[in-house]
């Protein structure tokens, strides 16, 4: 079994709060080990929204190896494209319009007069 789509969110304004988020990640890792629900650290990601303190987060796997969590500027979640600045919805609009044009092209090709 795998724990799927786990999200941790926190407002971080200082290094102390960054440490609190790392503690949450460590607790989640211990919980997943206890319940035999493996987390794949290489698939974990972090996104700093609006600004970043430059904190690097890591996860420790079952064998004791530490993996640095990848930082992203953009992520697609539940069909919605999120960016680290949350100001530019243009990425979502452009990709949704491209998908709609693709579907319309398929309909046009398959249902000609």
PDB file of N, CA and C in Angstrom:
ATOM      1  N   UNK A   1       0.832  -1.179   0.000  1.00  0.00           N
ATOM      2  CA  UNK A   1       0.000   0.000   0.000  1.00  0.00           C
ATOM      3  C   UNK A   1       0.877   1.244   0.000  1.00  0.00           C
ATOM      4  N   UNK A   2       0.348   2.318  -0.539  1.00  0.00           N
ATOM      5  CA  UNK A   2       1.053   3.591  -0.575  1.00  0.00           C
ATOM      6  C   UNK A   2       0.132   4.693  -0.064  1.00  0.00           C
ATOM      7  N   UNK A   3       0.692   5.636   0.676  1.00  0.00           N
ATOM      8  CA  UNK A   3      -0.057   6.833   1.056  1.00  0.00           C
ATOM      9  C   UNK A   3      -0.065   7.726  -0.172  1.00  0.00           C
ATOM     10  N   UNK A   4      -1.245   8.141  -0.619  1.00  0.00           N
ATOM     11  CA  UNK A   4      -1.366   8.860  -1.866  1.00  0.00           C
ATOM     12  C   UNK A   4      -1.922  10.262  -1.625  1.00  0.00           C
ATOM     13  N   UNK A   5      -1.333  11.236  -2.278  1.00  0.00           N
ATOM     14  CA  UNK A   5      -1.796  12.620  -2.230  1.00  0.00           C
ATOM     15  C   UNK A   5      -1.857  13.200  -0.832  1.00  0.00           C
ATOM     16  N   UNK A   6      -0.804  13.075  -0.101  1.00  0.00           N
ATOM     17  CA  UNK A   6      -0.694  13.700   1.210  1.00  0.00           C
ATOM     18  C   UNK A   6      -0.185  15.118   0.996  1.00  0.00           C
ATOM     19  N   UNK A   7      -0.834  16.080   1.638  1.00  0.00           N
ATOM     20  CA  UNK A   7      -0.407  17.464   1.514  1.00  0.00           C
ATOM     21  C   UNK A   7      -0.227  18.057   2.905  1.00  0.00           C
ATOM     22  N   UNK A   8       0.871  18.767   3.074  1.00  0.00           N
ATOM     23  CA  UNK A   8       1.112  19.504   4.305  1.00  0.00           C
ATOM     24  C   UNK A   8       1.255  20.963   3.911  1.00  0.00           C
ATOM     25  N   UNK A   9       0.518  21.819   4.603  1.00  0.00           N
ATOM     26  CA  UNK A   9       0.528  23.241   4.299  1.00  0.00           C
ATOM     27  C   UNK A   9       0.778  24.013   5.576  1.00  0.00           C
ATOM     28  N   UNK A  10       1.585  25.065   5.482  1.00  0.00           N
ATOM     29  CA  UNK A  10       1.867  25.864   6.660  1.00  0.00           C
ATOM     30  C   UNK A  10       2.315  27.252   6.227  1.00  0.00           C
ATOM     31  N   UNK A  11       1.932  28.264   6.989  1.00  0.00           N
ATOM     32  CA  UNK A  11       2.432  29.619   6.774  1.00  0.00           C
ATOM     33  C   UNK A  11       3.785  29.707   7.476  1.00  0.00           C
ATOM     34  N   UNK A  12       4.800  30.091   6.728  1.00  0.00           N
ATOM     35  CA  UNK A  12       6.155  30.142   7.285  1.00  0.00           C
ATOM     36  C   UNK A  12       6.700  31.550   7.126  1.00  0.00           C
ATOM     37  N   UNK A  13       6.947  32.183   8.257  1.00  0.00           N
ATOM     38  CA  UNK A  13       7.491  33.536   8.242  1.00  0.00           C
ATOM     39  C   UNK A  13       8.878  33.612   8.877  1.00  0.00           C
ATOM     40  N   UNK A  14       9.339  32.529   9.476  1.00  0.00           N
ATOM     41  CA  UNK A  14      10.643  32.544  10.140  1.00  0.00           C
ATOM     42  C   UNK A  14      11.292  31.167  10.055  1.00  0.00           C
ATOM     43  N   UNK A  15      12.546  31.112  10.445  1.00  0.00           N
ATOM     44  CA  UNK A  15      13.273  29.845  10.445  1.00  0.00           C
ATOM     45  C   UNK A  15      12.682  28.861  11.456  1.00  0.00           C
ATOM     46  N   UNK A  16      12.121  29.378  12.543  1.00  0.00           N
ATOM     47  CA  UNK A  16      11.501  28.515  13.553  1.00  0.00           C
ATOM     48  C   UNK A  16      10.304  27.781  12.954  1.00  0.00           C
ATOM     49  N   UNK A  17       9.491  28.510  12.175  1.00  0.00           N
ATOM     50  CA  UNK A  17       8.345  27.880  11.532  1.00  0.00           C
ATOM     51  C   UNK A  17       8.785  26.893  10.453  1.00  0.00           C
ATOM     52  N   UNK A  18       9.920  27.147   9.798  1.00  0.00           N
ATOM     53  CA  UNK A  18      10.481  26.192   8.841  1.00  0.00           C
ATOM     54  C   UNK A  18      10.847  24.900   9.554  1.00  0.00           C
ATOM     55  N   UNK A  19      11.426  25.030  10.737  1.00  0.00           N
ATOM     56  CA  UNK A  19      11.767  23.856  11.544  1.00  0.00           C
ATOM     57  C   UNK A  19      10.530  23.087  11.955  1.00  0.00           C
ATOM     58  N   UNK A  20       9.447  23.804  12.210  1.00  0.00           N
ATOM     59  CA  UNK A  20       8.184  23.162  12.569  1.00  0.00           C
ATOM     60  C   UNK A  20       7.652  22.321  11.410  1.00  0.00           C
ATOM     61  N   UNK A  21       7.781  22.845  10.188  1.00  0.00           N
ATOM     62  CA  UNK A  21       7.347  22.079   9.016  1.00  0.00           C
ATOM     63  C   UNK A  21       8.223  20.843   8.824  1.00  0.00           C
ATOM     64  N   UNK A  22       9.525  20.972   9.057  1.00  0.00           N
ATOM     65  CA  UNK A  22      10.413  19.800   8.965  1.00  0.00           C
ATOM     66  C   UNK A  22      10.018  18.767  10.014  1.00  0.00           C
ATOM     67  N   UNK A  23       9.646  19.221  11.225  1.00  0.00           N
ATOM     68  CA  UNK A  23       9.170  18.302  12.264  1.00  0.00           C
ATOM     69  C   UNK A  23       7.902  17.581  11.819  1.00  0.00           C
ATOM     70  N   UNK A  24       7.000  18.311  11.131  1.00  0.00           N
ATOM     71  CA  UNK A  24       5.783  17.680  10.608  1.00  0.00           C
ATOM     72  C   UNK A  24       6.112  16.612   9.583  1.00  0.00           C
ATOM     73  N   UNK A  25       7.085  16.893   8.718  1.00  0.00           N
ATOM     74  CA  UNK A  25       7.516  15.894   7.727  1.00  0.00           C
ATOM     75  C   UNK A  25       8.091  14.664   8.410  1.00  0.00           C
ATOM     76  N   UNK A  26       8.885  14.880   9.456  1.00  0.00           N
ATOM     77  CA  UNK A  26       9.460  13.760  10.198  1.00  0.00           C
ATOM     78  C   UNK A  26       8.366  12.936  10.877  1.00  0.00           C
ATOM     79  N   UNK A  27       7.353  13.604  11.438  1.00  0.00           N
ATOM     80  CA  UNK A  27       6.226  12.898  12.068  1.00  0.00           C
ATOM     81  C   UNK A  27       5.453  12.087  11.042  1.00  0.00           C
ATOM     82  N   UNK A  28       5.242  12.682   9.863  1.00  0.00           N
ATOM     83  CA  UNK A  28       4.535  11.972   8.796  1.00  0.00           C
ATOM     84  C   UNK A  28       5.316  10.733   8.364  1.00  0.00           C
ATOM     85  N   UNK A  29       6.633  10.865   8.282  1.00  0.00           N
ATOM     86  CA  UNK A  29       7.475   9.728   7.905  1.00  0.00           C
ATOM     87  C   UNK A  29       7.384   8.614   8.950  1.00  0.00           C
ATOM     88  N   UNK A  30       7.440   8.980  10.235  1.00  0.00           N
ATOM     89  CA  UNK A  30       7.310   7.975  11.305  1.00  0.00           C
ATOM     90  C   UNK A  30       5.933   7.311  11.256  1.00  0.00           C
ATOM     91  N   UNK A  31       4.890   8.097  11.053  1.00  0.00           N
ATOM     92  CA  UNK A  31       3.530   7.559  10.981  1.00  0.00           C
ATOM     93  C   UNK A  31       3.409   6.578   9.817  1.00  0.00           C
ATOM     94  N   UNK A  32       3.951   6.956   8.668  1.00  0.00           N
ATOM     95  CA  UNK A  32       3.845   6.080   7.494  1.00  0.00           C
ATOM     96  C   UNK A  32       4.609   4.773   7.706  1.00  0.00           C
ATOM     97  N   UNK A  33       5.739   4.847   8.398  1.00  0.00           N
ATOM     98  CA  UNK A  33       6.484   3.632   8.713  1.00  0.00           C
ATOM     99  C   UNK A  33       5.707   2.735   9.669  1.00  0.00           C
ATOM    100  N   UNK A  34       5.106   3.337  10.680  1.00  0.00           N
ATOM    101  CA  UNK A  34       4.345   2.573  11.678  1.00  0.00           C
ATOM    102  C   UNK A  34       3.183   1.828  11.037  1.00  0.00           C
ATOM    103  N   UNK A  35       2.478   2.482  10.116  1.00  0.00           N
ATOM    104  CA  UNK A  35       1.297   1.890   9.499  1.00  0.00           C
ATOM    105  C   UNK A  35       1.605   1.193   8.172  1.00  0.00           C
ATOM    106  N   UNK A  36       2.890   1.071   7.842  1.00  0.00           N
ATOM    107  CA  UNK A  36       3.351   0.376   6.634  1.00  0.00           C
ATOM    108  C   UNK A  36       2.759   0.975   5.362  1.00  0.00           C
ATOM    109  N   UNK A  37       2.616   2.294   5.341  1.00  0.00           N
ATOM    110  CA  UNK A  37       2.175   3.034   4.157  1.00  0.00           C
ATOM    111  C   UNK A  37       3.365   3.840   3.661  1.00  0.00           C
ATOM    112  N   UNK A  38       4.090   3.285   2.723  1.00  0.00           N
ATOM    113  CA  UNK A  38       5.343   3.896   2.296  1.00  0.00           C
ATOM    114  C   UNK A  38       5.118   5.208   1.554  1.00  0.00           C
ATOM    115  N   UNK A  39       5.954   6.179   1.889  1.00  0.00           N
ATOM    116  CA  UNK A  39       6.016   7.438   1.156  1.00  0.00           C
ATOM    117  C   UNK A  39       7.243   7.384   0.259  1.00  0.00           C
ATOM    118  N   UNK A  40       7.070   7.762  -0.991  1.00  0.00           N
ATOM    119  CA  UNK A  40       8.180   7.791  -1.930  1.00  0.00           C
ATOM    120  C   UNK A  40       8.789   9.186  -1.893  1.00  0.00           C
ATOM    121  N   UNK A  41       9.894   9.340  -1.197  1.00  0.00           N
ATOM    122  CA  UNK A  41      10.517  10.653  -1.007  1.00  0.00           C
ATOM    123  C   UNK A  41      10.924  11.289  -2.333  1.00  0.00           C
ATOM    124  N   UNK A  42      11.241  10.489  -3.339  1.00  0.00           N
ATOM    125  CA  UNK A  42      11.644  11.057  -4.628  1.00  0.00           C
ATOM    126  C   UNK A  42      10.465  11.688  -5.372  1.00  0.00           C
ATOM    127  N   UNK A  43       9.237  11.372  -4.983  1.00  0.00           N
ATOM    128  CA  UNK A  43       8.054  11.978  -5.599  1.00  0.00           C
ATOM    129  C   UNK A  43       7.509  13.148  -4.790  1.00  0.00           C
ATOM    130  N   UNK A  44       8.083  13.396  -3.626  1.00  0.00           N
ATOM    131  CA  UNK A  44       7.623  14.506  -2.786  1.00  0.00           C
ATOM    132  C   UNK A  44       8.162  15.819  -3.331  1.00  0.00           C
ATOM    133  N   UNK A  45       7.354  16.879  -3.186  1.00  0.00           N
ATOM    134  CA  UNK A  45       7.722  18.185  -3.727  1.00  0.00           C
ATOM    135  C   UNK A  45       7.332  19.265  -2.726  1.00  0.00           C
ATOM    136  N   UNK A  46       8.009  20.401  -2.821  1.00  0.00           N
ATOM    137  CA  UNK A  46       7.680  21.555  -1.993  1.00  0.00           C
ATOM    138  C   UNK A  46       7.550  22.769  -2.908  1.00  0.00           C
ATOM    139  N   UNK A  47       6.537  23.608  -2.610  1.00  0.00           N
ATOM    140  CA  UNK A  47       6.355  24.843  -3.357  1.00  0.00           C
ATOM    141  C   UNK A  47       6.251  25.990  -2.356  1.00  0.00           C
ATOM    142  N   UNK A  48       7.104  26.973  -2.524  1.00  0.00           N
ATOM    143  CA  UNK A  48       7.060  28.167  -1.699  1.00  0.00           C
ATOM    144  C   UNK A  48       6.157  29.168  -2.420  1.00  0.00           C
ATOM    145  N   UNK A  49       5.066  29.546  -1.782  1.00  0.00           N
ATOM    146  CA  UNK A  49       4.127  30.459  -2.411  1.00  0.00           C
ATOM    147  C   UNK A  49       4.436  31.875  -1.945  1.00  0.00           C
ATOM    148  N   UNK A  50       4.566  32.767  -2.883  1.00  0.00           N
ATOM    149  CA  UNK A  50       4.849  34.200  -2.706  1.00  0.00           C
ATOM    150  C   UNK A  50       6.313  34.482  -2.395  1.00  0.00           C
ATOM    151  N   UNK A  51       6.870  33.931  -1.344  1.00  0.00           N
ATOM    152  CA  UNK A  51       8.290  34.173  -1.056  1.00  0.00           C
ATOM    153  C   UNK A  51       8.894  32.960  -0.364  1.00  0.00           C
ATOM    154  N   UNK A  52      10.188  32.910  -0.381  1.00  0.00           N
ATOM    155  CA  UNK A  52      10.886  31.760   0.175  1.00  0.00           C
ATOM    156  C   UNK A  52      11.996  32.219   1.114  1.00  0.00           C
ATOM    157  N   UNK A  53      12.171  31.472   2.187  1.00  0.00           N
ATOM    158  CA  UNK A  53      13.294  31.713   3.085  1.00  0.00           C
ATOM    159  C   UNK A  53      14.529  30.932   2.638  1.00  0.00           C
ATOM    160  N   UNK A  54      14.388  30.149   1.572  1.00  0.00           N
ATOM    161  CA  UNK A  54      15.502  29.346   1.079  1.00  0.00           C
ATOM    162  C   UNK A  54      15.706  28.065   1.858  1.00  0.00           C
ATOM    163  N   UNK A  55      14.687  27.649   2.594  1.00  0.00           N
ATOM    164  CA  UNK A  55      14.785  26.443   3.404  1.00  0.00           C
ATOM    165  C   UNK A  55      14.753  25.206   2.513  1.00  0.00           C
ATOM    166  N   UNK A  56      15.584  24.250   2.834  1.00  0.00           N
ATOM    167  CA  UNK A  56      15.600  22.970   2.133  1.00  0.00           C
ATOM    168  C   UNK A  56      15.040  21.927   3.093  1.00  0.00           C
ATOM    169  N   UNK A  57      14.054  21.164   2.622  1.00  0.00           N
ATOM    170  CA  UNK A  57      13.431  20.136   3.445  1.00  0.00           C
ATOM    171  C   UNK A  57      13.893  18.768   2.971  1.00  0.00           C
ATOM    172  N   UNK A  58      13.910  17.801   3.885  1.00  0.00           N
ATOM    173  CA  UNK A  58      14.318  16.449   3.516  1.00  0.00           C
ATOM    174  C   UNK A  58      13.450  15.417   4.219  1.00  0.00           C
ATOM    175  N   UNK A  59      13.494  14.215   3.683  1.00  0.00           N
ATOM    176  CA  UNK A  59      12.783  13.076   4.266  1.00  0.00           C
ATOM    177  C   UNK A  59      13.772  11.931   4.417  1.00  0.00           C
ATOM    178  N   UNK A  60      13.594  11.165   5.476  1.00  0.00           N
ATOM    179  CA  UNK A  60      14.454  10.011   5.728  1.00  0.00           C
ATOM    180  C   UNK A  60      13.672   8.750   5.399  1.00  0.00           C
ATOM    181  N   UNK A  61      14.217   7.911   4.513  1.00  0.00           N
ATOM    182  CA  UNK A  61      13.516   6.696   4.099  1.00  0.00           C
ATOM    183  C   UNK A  61      13.757   5.561   5.090  1.00  0.00           C
ATOM    184  N   UNK A  62      13.206   4.388   4.782  1.00  0.00           N
ATOM    185  CA  UNK A  62      13.288   3.223   5.671  1.00  0.00           C
ATOM    186  C   UNK A  62      14.723   2.784   5.951  1.00  0.00           C
ATOM    187  N   UNK A  63      15.619   2.993   4.995  1.00  0.00           N
ATOM    188  CA  UNK A  63      16.999   2.556   5.181  1.00  0.00           C
ATOM    189  C   UNK A  63      17.861   3.620   5.866  1.00  0.00           C
ATOM    190  N   UNK A  64      17.257   4.748   6.247  1.00  0.00           N
ATOM    191  CA  UNK A  64      17.985   5.791   6.951  1.00  0.00           C
ATOM    192  C   UNK A  64      18.637   6.822   6.057  1.00  0.00           C
ATOM    193  N   UNK A  65      18.406   6.730   4.748  1.00  0.00           N
ATOM    194  CA  UNK A  65      18.974   7.707   3.814  1.00  0.00           C
ATOM    195  C   UNK A  65      18.106   8.958   3.776  1.00  0.00           C
ATOM    196  N   UNK A  66      18.748  10.111   3.739  1.00  0.00           N
ATOM    197  CA  UNK A  66      18.042  11.388   3.681  1.00  0.00           C
ATOM    198  C   UNK A  66      17.911  11.823   2.227  1.00  0.00           C
ATOM    199  N   UNK A  67      16.692  12.208   1.814  1.00  0.00           N
ATOM    200  CA  UNK A  67      16.424  12.667   0.465  1.00  0.00           C
ATOM    201  C   UNK A  67      15.937  14.103   0.521  1.00  0.00           C
ATOM    202  N   UNK A  68      16.572  14.996  -0.225  1.00  0.00           N
ATOM    203  CA  UNK A  68      16.140  16.387  -0.289  1.00  0.00           C
ATOM    204  C   UNK A  68      14.887  16.459  -1.149  1.00  0.00           C
ATOM    205  N   UNK A  69      13.881  17.154  -0.649  1.00  0.00           N
ATOM    206  CA  UNK A  69      12.610  17.280  -1.375  1.00  0.00           C
ATOM    207  C   UNK A  69      12.759  18.330  -2.468  1.00  0.00           C
ATOM    208  N   UNK A  70      12.339  17.966  -3.658  1.00  0.00           N
ATOM    209  CA  UNK A  70      12.436  18.816  -4.840  1.00  0.00           C
ATOM    210  C   UNK A  70      11.571  20.068  -4.682  1.00  0.00           C
ATOM    211  N   UNK A  71      12.109  21.238  -5.074  1.00  0.00           N
ATOM    212  CA  UNK A  71      11.352  22.488  -5.036  1.00  0.00           C
ATOM    213  C   UNK A  71      10.813  22.807  -6.421  1.00  0.00           C
ATOM    214  N   UNK A  72       9.558  23.259  -6.464  1.00  0.00           N
ATOM    215  CA  UNK A  72       8.886  23.551  -7.723  1.00  0.00           C
ATOM    216  C   UNK A  72       8.462  25.007  -7.812  1.00  0.00           C
ATOM    217  N   UNK A  73       8.294  25.486  -9.029  1.00  0.00           N
ATOM    218  CA  UNK A  73       7.708  26.803  -9.264  1.00  0.00           C
ATOM    219  C   UNK A  73       6.282  26.650  -9.769  1.00  0.00           C
ATOM    220  N   UNK A  74       5.952  25.460 -10.293  1.00  0.00           N
ATOM    221  CA  UNK A  74       4.623  25.195 -10.853  1.00  0.00           C
ATOM    222  C   UNK A  74       4.272  23.731 -10.628  1.00  0.00           C
ATOM    223  N   UNK A  75       2.996  23.465 -10.350  1.00  0.00           N
ATOM    224  CA  UNK A  75       2.538  22.086 -10.144  1.00  0.00           C
ATOM    225  C   UNK A  75       1.096  21.971 -10.592  1.00  0.00           C
ATOM    226  N   UNK A  76       0.753  20.827 -11.161  1.00  0.00           N
ATOM    227  CA  UNK A  76      -0.627  20.537 -11.521  1.00  0.00           C
ATOM    228  C   UNK A  76      -1.201  19.614 -10.455  1.00  0.00           C
ATOM    229  N   UNK A  77      -2.297  20.033  -9.840  1.00  0.00           N
ATOM    230  CA  UNK A  77      -2.927  19.249  -8.785  1.00  0.00           C
ATOM    231  C   UNK A  77      -4.429  19.261  -9.015  1.00  0.00           C
ATOM    232  N   UNK A  78      -5.010  18.083  -9.128  1.00  0.00           N
ATOM    233  CA  UNK A  78      -6.450  17.938  -9.380  1.00  0.00           C
ATOM    234  C   UNK A  78      -6.892  18.726 -10.610  1.00  0.00           C
ATOM    235  N   UNK A  79      -6.033  18.757 -11.632  1.00  0.00           N
ATOM    236  CA  UNK A  79      -6.370  19.416 -12.886  1.00  0.00           C
ATOM    237  C   UNK A  79      -6.153  20.920 -12.891  1.00  0.00           C
ATOM    238  N   UNK A  80      -5.668  21.480 -11.797  1.00  0.00           N
ATOM    239  CA  UNK A  80      -5.444  22.924 -11.712  1.00  0.00           C
ATOM    240  C   UNK A  80      -3.943  23.181 -11.655  1.00  0.00           C
ATOM    241  N   UNK A  81      -3.486  24.099 -12.489  1.00  0.00           N
ATOM    242  CA  UNK A  81      -2.061  24.463 -12.513  1.00  0.00           C
ATOM    243  C   UNK A  81      -1.832  25.586 -11.511  1.00  0.00           C
ATOM    244  N   UNK A  82      -0.984  25.334 -10.528  1.00  0.00           N
ATOM    245  CA  UNK A  82      -0.647  26.325  -9.509  1.00  0.00           C
ATOM    246  C   UNK A  82       0.771  26.820  -9.743  1.00  0.00           C
ATOM    247  N   UNK A  83       0.982  28.112  -9.543  1.00  0.00           N
ATOM    248  CA  UNK A  83       2.322  28.675  -9.640  1.00  0.00           C
ATOM    249  C   UNK A  83       2.698  29.273  -8.292  1.00  0.00           C
ATOM    250  N   UNK A  84       3.992  29.463  -8.092  1.00  0.00           N
ATOM    251  CA  UNK A  84       4.451  29.946  -6.798  1.00  0.00           C
ATOM    252  C   UNK A  84       4.027  31.379  -6.504  1.00  0.00           C
ATOM    253  N   UNK A  85       3.662  32.161  -7.522  1.00  0.00           N
ATOM    254  CA  UNK A  85       3.235  33.530  -7.254  1.00  0.00           C
ATOM    255  C   UNK A  85       1.710  33.667  -7.156  1.00  0.00           C
ATOM    256  N   UNK A  86       0.966  32.685  -7.595  1.00  0.00           N
ATOM    257  CA  UNK A  86      -0.501  32.660  -7.560  1.00  0.00           C
ATOM    258  C   UNK A  86      -1.149  33.860  -8.243  1.00  0.00           C
ATOM    259  N   UNK A  87      -0.374  34.642  -8.955  1.00  0.00           N
ATOM    260  CA  UNK A  87      -0.909  35.845  -9.588  1.00  0.00           C
ATOM    261  C   UNK A  87      -1.288  35.579 -11.042  1.00  0.00           C
ATOM    262  N   UNK A  88      -0.584  34.700 -11.685  1.00  0.00           N
ATOM    263  CA  UNK A  88      -0.764  34.499 -13.115  1.00  0.00           C
ATOM    264  C   UNK A  88      -1.641  33.277 -13.389  1.00  0.00           C
ATOM    265  N   UNK A  89      -2.945  33.481 -13.557  1.00  0.00           N
ATOM    266  CA  UNK A  89      -3.795  32.341 -13.927  1.00  0.00           C
ATOM    267  C   UNK A  89      -3.653  31.991 -15.400  1.00  0.00           C
ATOM    268  N   UNK A  90      -2.784  32.720 -16.128  1.00  0.00           N
ATOM    269  CA  UNK A  90      -2.666  32.527 -17.567  1.00  0.00           C
ATOM    270  C   UNK A  90      -2.225  31.114 -17.930  1.00  0.00           C
ATOM    271  N   UNK A  91      -1.404  30.486 -17.109  1.00  0.00           N
ATOM    272  CA  UNK A  91      -0.964  29.117 -17.411  1.00  0.00           C
ATOM    273  C   UNK A  91      -2.171  28.187 -17.434  1.00  0.00           C
ATOM    274  N   UNK A  92      -3.050  28.305 -16.423  1.00  0.00           N
ATOM    275  CA  UNK A  92      -4.259  27.489 -16.368  1.00  0.00           C
ATOM    276  C   UNK A  92      -5.132  27.779 -17.580  1.00  0.00           C
ATOM    277  N   UNK A  93      -5.319  29.047 -17.928  1.00  0.00           N
ATOM    278  CA  UNK A  93      -6.175  29.433 -19.052  1.00  0.00           C
ATOM    279  C   UNK A  93      -5.633  28.917 -20.380  1.00  0.00           C
ATOM    280  N   UNK A  94      -4.343  29.085 -20.597  1.00  0.00           N
ATOM    281  CA  UNK A  94      -3.719  28.649 -21.854  1.00  0.00           C
ATOM    282  C   UNK A  94      -3.827  27.137 -22.012  1.00  0.00           C
ATOM    283  N   UNK A  95      -3.542  26.402 -20.962  1.00  0.00           N
ATOM    284  CA  UNK A  95      -3.585  24.936 -21.061  1.00  0.00           C
ATOM    285  C   UNK A  95      -5.011  24.418 -21.190  1.00  0.00           C
ATOM    286  N   UNK A  96      -5.958  25.047 -20.512  1.00  0.00           N
ATOM    287  CA  UNK A  96      -7.355  24.634 -20.636  1.00  0.00           C
ATOM    288  C   UNK A  96      -7.872  24.919 -22.040  1.00  0.00           C
ATOM    289  N   UNK A  97      -7.509  26.076 -22.604  1.00  0.00           N
ATOM    290  CA  UNK A  97      -7.929  26.421 -23.969  1.00  0.00           C
ATOM    291  C   UNK A  97      -7.319  25.455 -24.980  1.00  0.00           C
ATOM    292  N   UNK A  98      -6.054  25.094 -24.792  1.00  0.00           N
ATOM    293  CA  UNK A  98      -5.396  24.144 -25.704  1.00  0.00           C
ATOM    294  C   UNK A  98      -6.088  22.785 -25.642  1.00  0.00           C
ATOM    295  N   UNK A  99      -6.461  22.347 -24.438  1.00  0.00           N
ATOM    296  CA  UNK A  99      -7.164  21.067 -24.279  1.00  0.00           C
ATOM    297  C   UNK A  99      -8.527  21.134 -24.981  1.00  0.00           C
ATOM    298  N   UNK A 100      -9.245  22.248 -24.826  1.00  0.00           N
ATOM    299  CA  UNK A 100     -10.555  22.408 -25.466  1.00  0.00           C
ATOM    300  C   UNK A 100     -10.413  22.395 -26.988  1.00  0.00           C
ATOM    301  N   UNK A 101      -9.397  23.092 -27.521  1.00  0.00           N
ATOM    302  CA  UNK A 101      -9.177  23.074 -28.978  1.00  0.00           C
ATOM    303  C   UNK A 101      -8.851  21.671 -29.466  1.00  0.00           C
ATOM    304  N   UNK A 102      -8.094  20.928 -28.676  1.00  0.00           N
ATOM    305  CA  UNK A 102      -7.754  19.560 -29.052  1.00  0.00           C
ATOM    306  C   UNK A 102      -9.006  18.684 -29.125  1.00  0.00           C
ATOM    307  N   UNK A 103      -9.876  18.802 -28.149  1.00  0.00           N
ATOM    308  CA  UNK A 103     -11.113  18.014 -28.137  1.00  0.00           C
ATOM    309  C   UNK A 103     -12.016  18.430 -29.297  1.00  0.00           C
ATOM    310  N   UNK A 104     -12.117  19.729 -29.540  1.00  0.00           N
ATOM    311  CA  UNK A 104     -12.943  20.202 -30.657  1.00  0.00           C
ATOM    312  C   UNK A 104     -12.393  19.710 -31.993  1.00  0.00           C
ATOM    313  N   UNK A 105     -11.082  19.674 -32.133  1.00  0.00           N
ATOM    314  CA  UNK A 105     -10.474  19.151 -33.359  1.00  0.00           C
ATOM    315  C   UNK A 105     -10.788  17.685 -33.547  1.00  0.00           C
ATOM    316  N   UNK A 106     -10.758  16.915 -32.455  1.00  0.00           N
ATOM    317  CA  UNK A 106     -11.081  15.493 -32.534  1.00  0.00           C
ATOM    318  C   UNK A 106     -12.554  15.306 -32.922  1.00  0.00           C
ATOM    319  N   UNK A 107     -13.428  16.076 -32.335  1.00  0.00           N
ATOM    320  CA  UNK A 107     -14.852  15.990 -32.673  1.00  0.00           C
ATOM    321  C   UNK A 107     -15.055  16.365 -34.136  1.00  0.00           C
ATOM    322  N   UNK A 108     -14.410  17.413 -34.593  1.00  0.00           N
ATOM    323  CA  UNK A 108     -14.540  17.865 -35.987  1.00  0.00           C
ATOM    324  C   UNK A 108     -14.042  16.800 -36.961  1.00  0.00           C
ATOM    325  N   UNK A 109     -12.933  16.150 -36.643  1.00  0.00           N
ATOM    326  CA  UNK A 109     -12.387  15.110 -37.532  1.00  0.00           C
ATOM    327  C   UNK A 109     -13.296  13.886 -37.609  1.00  0.00           C
ATOM    328  N   UNK A 110     -13.936  13.534 -36.514  1.00  0.00           N
ATOM    329  CA  UNK A 110     -14.706  12.294 -36.462  1.00  0.00           C
ATOM    330  C   UNK A 110     -16.169  12.438 -36.833  1.00  0.00           C
ATOM    331  N   UNK A 111     -16.692  13.653 -36.865  1.00  0.00           N
ATOM    332  CA  UNK A 111     -18.100  13.869 -37.169  1.00  0.00           C
ATOM    333  C   UNK A 111     -18.278  14.849 -38.307  1.00  0.00           C
ATOM    334  N   UNK A 112     -17.672  14.554 -39.415  1.00  0.00           N
ATOM    335  CA  UNK A 112     -17.803  15.410 -40.615  1.00  0.00           C
ATOM    336  C   UNK A 112     -19.092  15.053 -41.357  1.00  0.00           C
ATOM    337  N   UNK A 113     -19.601  16.054 -42.105  1.00  0.00           N
ATOM    338  CA  UNK A 113     -20.829  15.825 -42.906  1.00  0.00           C
ATOM    339  C   UNK A 113     -20.594  14.897 -44.049  1.00  0.00           C
TER     340      UNK A 113
END
